[in-house]
Protein backbone atom coordinates (compact mmCIF):
# COMPACT_ATOMS: atom_id res chain seq x y z
CA MET A 1 -9.34 12.52 12.88
CA PRO A 2 -5.87 13.64 13.46
CA ALA A 3 -4.61 13.28 16.78
CA GLY A 4 -5.73 16.53 19.22
CA PHE A 5 -8.61 17.21 17.14
CA SER A 6 -12.03 17.42 19.11
CA ARG A 7 -15.51 18.57 19.41
CA GLY A 8 -14.54 20.10 23.33
CA SER A 9 -13.82 23.46 22.29
CA GLU A 10 -14.21 26.49 19.51
CA ILE A 11 -10.51 25.91 18.23
CA PRO A 12 -10.48 22.69 17.61
CA ILE A 13 -13.91 22.91 15.89
CA ALA A 14 -12.55 25.21 13.51
CA ALA A 15 -9.22 23.35 13.09
CA GLU A 16 -11.86 20.29 12.50
CA TRP A 17 -13.73 21.75 9.61
CA LEU A 18 -10.47 23.32 7.62
CA TYR A 19 -8.94 19.42 8.25
CA ASP A 20 -12.08 18.04 6.28
CA HIS A 21 -11.99 20.84 3.52
CA GLN A 22 -8.90 20.20 2.87
CA MET A 23 -9.39 16.74 2.50
CA SER A 24 -12.41 17.37 0.54
CA GLU A 25 -10.31 19.54 -1.77
CA SER A 26 -7.57 16.37 -2.34
CA ALA A 27 -7.71 14.43 -5.41
CA ALA A 28 -8.12 11.05 -5.78
CA VAL A 29 -4.61 10.26 -6.49
CA ILE A 30 -1.11 9.40 -5.08
CA PHE A 31 1.55 10.55 -7.29
CA GLY A 32 5.64 9.75 -6.99
CA CYS A 33 8.19 12.14 -7.46
CA SER A 34 11.10 12.53 -9.95
CA GLY A 35 14.09 12.41 -7.52
CA PRO A 36 15.75 13.21 -4.13
CA VAL A 37 14.38 16.47 -3.70
CA ILE A 38 11.18 18.57 -5.35
CA THR A 39 11.67 20.65 -8.17
CA ALA A 40 9.87 24.61 -8.41
CA ASP A 41 7.57 22.69 -10.93
CA GLU A 42 6.76 19.61 -9.69
CA GLN A 43 5.93 21.72 -6.45
CA ALA A 44 3.71 23.76 -8.54
CA PHE A 45 2.28 21.03 -10.07
CA TYR A 46 1.76 19.48 -6.72
CA ARG A 47 -0.02 23.17 -5.01
CA ASP A 48 -2.48 23.01 -8.76
CA VAL A 49 -3.05 19.18 -8.37
CA ARG A 50 -3.32 18.25 -4.59
CA PRO A 51 -2.96 15.10 -4.57
CA TRP A 52 -3.83 13.00 -1.55
CA GLY A 53 -0.43 11.02 -1.06
CA PHE A 54 2.90 10.44 -2.34
CA ILE A 55 4.65 7.12 -2.86
CA LEU A 56 8.92 6.93 -2.50
CA PHE A 57 10.65 4.87 -4.24
CA GLY A 58 14.66 4.33 -4.45
CA ARG A 59 15.64 7.10 -6.73
CA ASN A 60 14.34 9.23 -3.88
CA ILE A 61 16.43 8.24 -1.07
CA VAL A 62 19.73 9.52 -0.65
CA SER A 63 20.07 9.88 3.53
CA LEU A 64 17.88 9.71 6.42
CA ASP A 65 18.16 13.51 6.19
CA GLN A 66 17.52 14.04 2.55
CA VAL A 67 14.15 11.44 3.01
CA ALA A 68 13.42 13.78 6.16
CA GLU A 69 13.71 16.81 4.26
CA LEU A 70 11.47 15.62 1.03
CA THR A 71 8.61 14.33 2.76
CA ALA A 72 8.28 17.40 4.80
CA SER A 73 8.95 19.53 0.95
CA LEU A 74 6.14 17.05 -0.04
CA ARG A 75 3.16 17.76 2.13
CA ASP A 76 4.17 21.37 2.39
CA SER A 77 3.71 21.36 -1.44
CA ILE A 78 0.07 20.85 -0.41
CA GLY A 79 -0.36 22.30 2.99
CA ARG A 80 -1.60 18.97 4.50
CA PRO A 81 0.62 17.98 6.85
CA ASP A 82 -1.41 14.86 7.50
CA ALA A 83 -0.93 13.50 3.93
CA PRO A 84 -0.02 9.69 3.92
CA VAL A 85 3.22 9.61 2.06
CA LEU A 86 3.99 5.93 0.96
CA ILE A 87 6.97 3.51 0.74
CA ASP A 88 7.02 -0.54 -0.69
CA GLN A 89 9.73 -1.98 1.94
CA GLU A 90 8.72 -5.61 2.57
CA GLY A 91 12.05 -6.53 3.15
CA GLY A 92 13.61 -9.51 0.27
CA ARG A 93 14.06 -8.04 -2.89
CA VAL A 94 11.39 -5.32 -2.54
CA GLN A 95 12.79 -2.77 -0.30
CA ARG A 96 13.29 0.85 -1.13
CA PHE A 97 15.72 1.63 2.10
CA LYS A 98 18.76 -0.78 1.51
CA PRO A 99 21.86 -0.87 3.81
CA PRO A 100 23.91 1.36 5.36
CA LEU A 101 20.70 3.03 5.99
CA VAL A 102 18.75 0.64 6.86
CA PRO A 103 19.62 -3.65 7.67
CA GLN A 104 18.68 -5.86 5.00
CA TYR A 105 15.58 -7.91 5.89
CA PRO A 106 14.66 -10.88 5.18
CA SER A 107 11.44 -11.67 2.58
CA GLY A 108 7.90 -12.90 3.09
CA ALA A 109 9.08 -15.89 2.54
CA ASP A 110 12.25 -16.57 4.56
CA LEU A 111 9.75 -15.53 7.32
CA GLY A 112 7.56 -18.22 6.25
CA GLY A 113 9.82 -20.98 7.00
CA LEU A 114 9.95 -19.76 10.09
CA TYR A 115 7.13 -20.02 10.38
CA LEU A 116 6.43 -23.96 9.01
CA ALA A 117 9.22 -24.90 11.47
CA ASP A 118 7.34 -23.31 14.55
CA LYS A 119 4.23 -21.29 14.41
CA GLU A 120 5.10 -18.77 17.11
CA ALA A 121 8.20 -17.71 16.28
CA GLY A 122 6.98 -16.92 12.78
CA LEU A 123 4.63 -14.87 13.72
CA ARG A 124 6.48 -12.57 16.19
CA ALA A 125 9.19 -12.70 13.83
CA ALA A 126 6.23 -10.43 10.90
CA TRP A 127 5.26 -8.80 13.60
CA ILE A 128 8.55 -8.29 15.16
CA LEU A 129 9.70 -6.66 11.16
CA SER A 130 6.95 -4.58 10.86
CA ARG A 131 7.96 -3.14 14.33
CA LEU A 132 10.98 -1.97 12.92
CA HIS A 133 10.05 -1.19 9.72
CA ALA A 134 8.47 1.62 11.75
CA PHE A 135 11.06 2.31 14.00
CA ASP A 136 13.39 3.09 10.54
CA LEU A 137 10.36 4.89 9.02
CA LEU A 138 7.84 6.81 10.85
CA LYS A 139 11.02 8.92 11.79
CA LEU A 140 11.53 10.18 8.37
CA GLY A 141 7.60 11.07 7.52
CA ILE A 142 7.04 7.60 6.15
CA THR A 143 3.61 6.65 7.33
CA VAL A 144 2.13 3.66 5.35
CA ASN A 145 4.07 0.53 4.13
CA CYS A 146 2.89 -0.97 1.25
CA LEU A 147 2.86 -4.51 3.02
CA PRO A 148 1.54 -7.29 3.67
CA VAL A 149 1.83 -9.29 0.43
CA LEU A 150 -1.70 -11.96 0.66
CA ASP A 151 -0.92 -13.55 -2.61
CA VAL A 152 -1.14 -17.00 -2.21
CA PRO A 153 1.68 -18.37 -5.22
CA ALA A 154 0.47 -21.40 -7.50
CA PRO A 155 2.02 -23.27 -10.10
CA GLY A 156 3.23 -21.98 -12.69
CA GLY A 157 3.03 -18.36 -10.66
CA HIS A 158 5.75 -15.70 -11.90
CA GLU A 159 8.65 -15.18 -9.34
CA VAL A 160 7.38 -11.68 -9.27
CA ILE A 161 5.19 -12.29 -6.33
CA GLY A 162 7.18 -15.46 -5.67
CA SER A 163 9.46 -15.00 -2.62
CA ARG A 164 7.55 -11.81 -1.06
CA ALA A 165 5.02 -14.52 -0.01
CA TYR A 166 4.64 -15.92 2.90
CA GLY A 167 3.87 -19.19 2.15
CA MET A 168 2.03 -21.52 -0.28
CA THR A 169 -0.82 -21.72 1.52
CA PRO A 170 -4.01 -19.50 2.77
CA GLU A 171 -4.17 -20.07 6.22
CA VAL A 172 0.15 -18.93 6.76
CA VAL A 173 -0.51 -15.97 4.51
CA ALA A 174 -3.60 -14.66 6.24
CA ASP A 175 -1.79 -15.62 9.64
CA MET A 176 1.12 -13.71 8.91
CA GLY A 177 -0.20 -10.99 7.27
CA GLN A 178 -2.32 -10.07 10.33
CA ALA A 179 0.88 -9.96 12.49
CA ALA A 180 2.55 -7.54 9.69
CA CYS A 181 -0.48 -5.65 9.97
CA ALA A 182 -0.46 -5.71 14.21
CA GLY A 183 3.08 -4.67 13.80
CA LEU A 184 2.86 -1.29 11.66
CA LYS A 185 0.25 -0.63 13.77
CA ALA A 186 2.13 -0.84 16.85
CA GLY A 187 4.78 1.25 15.25
CA GLY A 188 2.40 4.24 14.58
CA MET A 189 2.16 3.56 10.87
CA LEU A 190 -0.95 1.45 8.13
CA PRO A 191 -0.17 -1.13 6.32
CA VAL A 192 -1.24 -1.59 2.48
CA ILE A 193 -3.32 -5.09 1.96
CA LYS A 194 -1.48 -6.18 -1.59
CA HIS A 195 -2.49 -7.71 -4.64
CA ILE A 196 -6.54 -7.27 -3.89
CA PRO A 197 -8.24 -9.76 -4.67
CA GLY A 198 -5.26 -11.98 -5.62
CA HIS A 199 -2.10 -11.99 -7.87
CA GLY A 200 -0.47 -15.57 -6.88
CA ARG A 201 -1.67 -16.97 -10.20
CA ALA A 202 -0.62 -14.31 -12.56
CA ASP A 203 1.77 -16.11 -14.99
CA VAL A 204 3.78 -13.22 -16.28
CA ASP A 205 5.19 -9.74 -14.84
CA THR A 206 2.32 -7.09 -14.47
CA HIS A 207 4.76 -4.86 -15.05
CA PHE A 208 4.97 -6.25 -18.45
CA GLN A 209 2.56 -7.67 -19.69
CA LEU A 210 -1.48 -8.51 -18.74
CA PRO A 211 -1.54 -12.07 -17.36
CA THR A 212 -5.06 -13.95 -17.34
CA VAL A 213 -6.27 -16.05 -14.75
CA ALA A 214 -8.38 -19.59 -15.88
CA ALA A 215 -9.19 -20.60 -12.62
CA SER A 216 -12.29 -21.16 -11.42
CA ARG A 217 -14.64 -18.72 -9.07
CA THR A 218 -14.58 -21.38 -6.57
CA GLU A 219 -10.81 -22.34 -6.72
CA LEU A 220 -10.40 -18.30 -6.38
CA GLN A 221 -12.21 -18.60 -3.23
CA ASP A 222 -11.01 -21.02 -1.76
CA ARG A 223 -7.39 -20.13 -1.71
CA ASP A 224 -6.74 -16.68 -4.18
CA PHE A 225 -9.33 -14.53 -2.14
CA ALA A 226 -9.24 -16.09 1.67
CA PRO A 227 -6.70 -14.23 3.45
CA PHE A 228 -7.87 -11.05 2.26
CA LYS A 229 -11.17 -11.60 3.75
CA ALA A 230 -9.22 -12.52 6.92
CA LEU A 231 -7.76 -9.02 6.99
CA ALA A 232 -11.22 -6.99 5.34
CA GLY A 233 -10.33 -4.97 8.32
CA GLU A 234 -7.74 -3.05 7.48
CA ALA A 235 -7.72 0.52 6.24
CA MET A 236 -6.01 0.05 2.57
CA ALA A 237 -5.74 -2.15 -0.46
CA MET A 238 -4.10 -1.98 -3.51
CA SER A 239 -5.23 -3.99 -6.67
CA ALA A 240 -4.26 -6.73 -8.85
CA HIS A 241 -3.45 -5.80 -12.82
CA VAL A 242 -4.66 -9.37 -13.16
CA VAL A 243 -8.13 -10.83 -15.80
CA PHE A 244 -9.56 -13.36 -13.79
CA SER A 245 -11.93 -14.97 -17.03
CA ASP A 246 -14.39 -16.40 -14.55
CA ILE A 247 -15.26 -13.23 -13.63
CA ASP A 248 -14.73 -11.11 -15.99
CA PRO A 249 -12.42 -11.99 -19.18
CA ASP A 250 -12.00 -8.27 -20.52
CA ASN A 251 -11.15 -6.43 -17.73
CA PRO A 252 -7.88 -6.61 -15.27
CA ALA A 253 -9.01 -6.22 -11.75
CA THR A 254 -7.89 -2.95 -10.93
CA THR A 255 -10.25 -1.65 -13.97
CA SER A 256 -13.34 -4.66 -13.68
CA LYS A 257 -16.69 -2.74 -11.74
CA THR A 258 -17.58 -6.12 -11.52
CA VAL A 259 -14.54 -7.71 -9.27
CA ILE A 260 -14.78 -4.39 -7.23
CA GLU A 261 -17.88 -4.42 -6.40
CA ASP A 262 -18.77 -8.16 -6.43
CA VAL A 263 -15.55 -9.43 -4.96
CA ILE A 264 -13.67 -6.86 -3.56
CA ARG A 265 -16.82 -5.19 -1.53
CA ASP A 266 -19.68 -7.78 -1.56
CA GLU A 267 -17.82 -11.53 -1.00
CA ILE A 268 -14.07 -10.23 0.65
CA GLY A 269 -16.45 -7.63 2.24
CA PHE A 270 -13.12 -5.06 1.70
CA ASP A 271 -14.93 -1.38 2.75
CA GLY A 272 -11.42 0.60 3.37
CA LEU A 273 -9.51 2.35 1.02
CA LEU A 274 -9.06 1.01 -2.26
CA MET A 275 -5.96 2.11 -4.30
CA SER A 276 -4.65 0.96 -7.87
CA ASP A 277 -1.49 -1.02 -8.20
CA ASP A 278 0.56 1.92 -10.73
CA VAL A 279 -0.79 2.97 -13.07
CA SER A 280 2.72 3.16 -15.59
CA MET A 281 2.78 -0.70 -15.50
CA ASN A 282 2.07 -2.34 -19.09
CA ALA A 283 -0.18 -4.53 -17.64
CA LEU A 284 -2.69 -1.84 -18.29
CA SER A 285 -3.98 -0.19 -21.89
CA GLY A 286 -4.29 2.84 -23.14
CA ASP A 287 -3.42 5.82 -22.60
CA PHE A 288 -2.55 7.32 -18.78
CA ALA A 289 -5.73 9.85 -18.93
CA VAL A 290 -7.83 6.13 -20.59
CA ARG A 291 -5.82 4.41 -17.84
CA ALA A 292 -6.74 6.91 -14.74
CA GLY A 293 -10.21 7.28 -15.78
CA ALA A 294 -10.70 3.18 -16.16
CA ILE A 295 -9.12 2.89 -12.50
CA LEU A 296 -11.66 5.41 -10.93
CA GLY A 297 -15.03 4.60 -13.03
CA ALA A 298 -14.40 0.98 -12.02
CA GLY A 299 -14.59 1.73 -8.49
CA CYS A 300 -11.44 1.94 -6.88
CA ASP A 301 -11.04 5.21 -4.79
CA VAL A 302 -7.73 6.47 -5.41
CA SER A 303 -4.70 6.14 -8.40
CA LEU A 304 -1.22 5.42 -7.70
CA HIS A 305 1.36 6.77 -10.21
CA CYS A 306 4.77 6.04 -9.41
CA ASN A 307 7.64 7.21 -11.69
CA GLY A 308 7.66 11.07 -11.29
CA VAL A 309 7.28 11.08 -14.98
CA ARG A 310 5.77 15.37 -15.28
CA ALA A 311 4.28 14.12 -18.81
CA GLU A 312 2.38 11.42 -17.61
CA MET A 313 0.83 12.65 -14.14
CA GLU A 314 0.12 15.20 -15.97
CA ALA A 315 -2.64 13.22 -18.37
CA VAL A 316 -3.41 11.40 -14.66
CA ALA A 317 -4.49 14.56 -13.68
CA SER A 318 -6.58 15.78 -16.42
CA VAL A 319 -9.24 13.04 -15.68
CA THR A 320 -8.68 12.37 -11.98
CA PRO A 321 -11.85 14.42 -9.54
CA LEU A 322 -11.57 15.54 -5.96
CA LEU A 323 -12.40 12.64 -3.36
CA SER A 324 -15.82 12.50 -2.75
CA GLY A 325 -18.99 10.27 -1.42
CA ASP A 326 -17.53 6.84 -0.42
CA ALA A 327 -13.97 7.58 -1.72
CA LEU A 328 -14.01 10.56 1.13
CA ARG A 329 -15.16 8.57 3.45
CA ARG A 330 -12.72 5.98 3.16
CA ALA A 331 -9.79 8.72 3.72
CA LYS A 332 -10.57 10.35 6.13
CA ALA A 333 -11.01 6.57 8.24
CA VAL A 334 -7.59 6.12 7.00
CA LEU A 335 -6.13 9.00 8.85
CA ALA A 336 -7.96 7.59 11.80
CA ALA A 337 -6.91 4.56 11.63
CA PHE A 338 -3.55 5.71 13.13
CA GLN A 339 -2.39 5.12 16.15
CA SER A 340 0.34 6.71 18.54
CA PRO A 341 3.73 4.16 18.58
CA ASP A 342 3.90 1.68 21.31
CA ASP A 343 5.98 1.77 23.77
CA SER A 344 8.27 -0.64 22.50
CA ASP A 345 12.16 -0.95 22.92
CA GLU A 346 13.93 -0.70 19.67
CA ALA A 347 17.50 -2.38 20.42
CA ALA A 348 16.08 -4.98 22.09
CA LEU A 349 13.29 -6.13 19.67
CA ARG A 350 16.16 -6.00 16.43
CA ASP A 351 18.17 -8.09 19.15
CA GLU A 352 15.46 -10.36 19.75
CA PHE A 353 14.55 -10.38 16.10
CA ALA A 354 18.34 -11.77 15.09
CA GLY A 355 17.89 -14.08 17.45
CA LEU A 356 14.03 -15.70 15.76
CA MET A 357 16.27 -15.49 12.23
CA ALA A 358 19.99 -17.18 13.45
CA ALA A 359 17.44 -20.08 14.55
CA SER A 360 15.50 -20.43 10.86
């Protein structure tokens, strides 16, 4: 429930009813947009489809004031001021906001190197970096950051994860991931744990090809699934476009009912909002309606389409239902999970972070 809504008077009850109604009229999809401003056609499309949320990329970023105006106009287009706006702002090579708008931040591997030298310093750095992301992003209307990467790289794994990972063991990854999540939440944002149930063994880039992982389920349980199990209480997760042949040889996790129900929901114990990785990635097959239908049919709560291409979004929208049942419950739980930012001193944290990284 958004802050300020309660059952204390007639007006808040009416506001709560409107909020619940708006949520139940939201489509089970997160969309991108084509540029730094939304066009009149995009505005009309979003108004008709009513996506649950939006995601931004580098093409959408020109200046800080422009991004703040963009996020406001996206929310205005669907009449939901609480609609989540997401971004991938990890640090390292996955950082949509770049200098001079924000500093160039270190990668997960850089933070993990500090952890190996000094565990407490590494955990503190992971927390501070997420808190700094919140200082950068929340004032622009961006409320969800798609981190931490909880994938554990394996020998032979593709560099699509690579330096984005905190370390090479599930213990390091889980510890650092928990600190990163805590920092975002302290700053009034929410994290997305990714790429569940694990992307570290993939030997090809899922933007272009579908990887198949032959490791046994026992191996996966001990290494790949472990960080996600440790963070199973988080509100949101993003799926992996990866085939685990010992569990479901025919479908990537994103479109596998077996993986989603048996592994993600039951074994890992994640009951938060499960979003797909990008529908437009070539690891998935079929046209965009087929892909989106398979994603939702397998048990993802919402699909994610990132590139803002109108024809693709229309195809995705054509098979996307309104949120209902468990998906609606989880979507409401996401909005209820936001906290007010703490009273951290931004300048002091930036100085502390610089000192920690210099010492590494």
